[in-house]
Amino acid sequence: MYSQEDKFSEREKAAEDLYVREHEKEKAKKLKEQLEKLEREKQELEGRLKKK
């Protein structure tokens, strides 16, 4: 059977895992936004080059 300490450790690990997942999710979101911005800038620059 689990002791109180084991249950606390499990809950603590679950909370840490959740924090890490949320942090990684936020980092991925920011990277995706940066990538989209750079893609728009690239398309704009390519459009300017084609007009010349």
Protein backbone atom coordinates (compact mmCIF):
# COMPACT_ATOMS: atom_id res chain seq x y z
CA MET A 1 0.00 0.00 0.00
CA TYR A 2 1.01 3.58 -0.48
CA SER A 3 2.13 5.67 2.43
CA GLN A 4 1.11 9.29 2.77
CA GLU A 5 4.59 10.31 1.65
CA ASP A 6 4.30 8.23 -1.53
CA LYS A 7 0.94 9.80 -2.37
CA PHE A 8 2.35 13.27 -1.76
CA SER A 9 5.35 12.47 -3.97
CA GLU A 10 3.03 11.26 -6.73
CA ARG A 11 0.93 14.42 -6.52
CA GLU A 12 4.03 16.60 -6.47
CA LYS A 13 5.45 14.82 -9.53
CA ALA A 14 2.11 15.13 -11.34
CA ALA A 15 2.03 18.87 -10.59
CA GLU A 16 5.60 19.29 -11.84
CA ASP A 17 4.84 17.29 -14.98
CA LEU A 18 1.80 19.44 -15.65
CA TYR A 19 3.85 22.61 -15.20
CA VAL A 20 6.52 21.34 -17.59
CA ARG A 21 3.91 20.35 -20.21
CA GLU A 22 2.23 23.75 -19.98
CA HIS A 23 5.61 25.52 -20.20
CA GLU A 24 6.60 23.47 -23.25
CA LYS A 25 3.20 24.13 -24.83
CA GLU A 26 3.66 27.88 -24.36
CA LYS A 27 7.19 27.75 -25.82
CA ALA A 28 5.89 25.81 -28.84
CA LYS A 29 3.11 28.38 -29.32
CA LYS A 30 5.60 31.26 -29.29
CA LEU A 31 7.91 29.47 -31.72
CA LYS A 32 4.99 28.81 -34.06
CA GLU A 33 4.03 32.50 -33.94
CA GLN A 34 7.63 33.51 -34.71
CA LEU A 35 7.74 31.06 -37.61
CA GLU A 36 4.48 32.41 -39.03
CA LYS A 37 5.78 35.98 -38.76
CA LEU A 38 9.01 35.08 -40.52
CA GLU A 39 7.09 33.25 -43.24
CA ARG A 40 4.96 36.36 -43.86
CA GLU A 41 8.09 38.53 -44.02
CA LYS A 42 9.71 36.08 -46.42
CA GLN A 43 6.68 36.10 -48.70
CA GLU A 44 6.61 39.90 -48.65
CA LEU A 45 10.29 40.10 -49.58
CA GLU A 46 9.88 37.52 -52.34
CA GLY A 47 6.97 39.55 -53.69
CA ARG A 48 9.11 42.68 -53.77
CA LEU A 49 11.87 40.86 -55.63
CA LYS A 50 9.46 39.57 -58.27
CA LYS A 51 8.18 43.10 -58.94
CA LYS A 52 11.66 44.35 -59.85
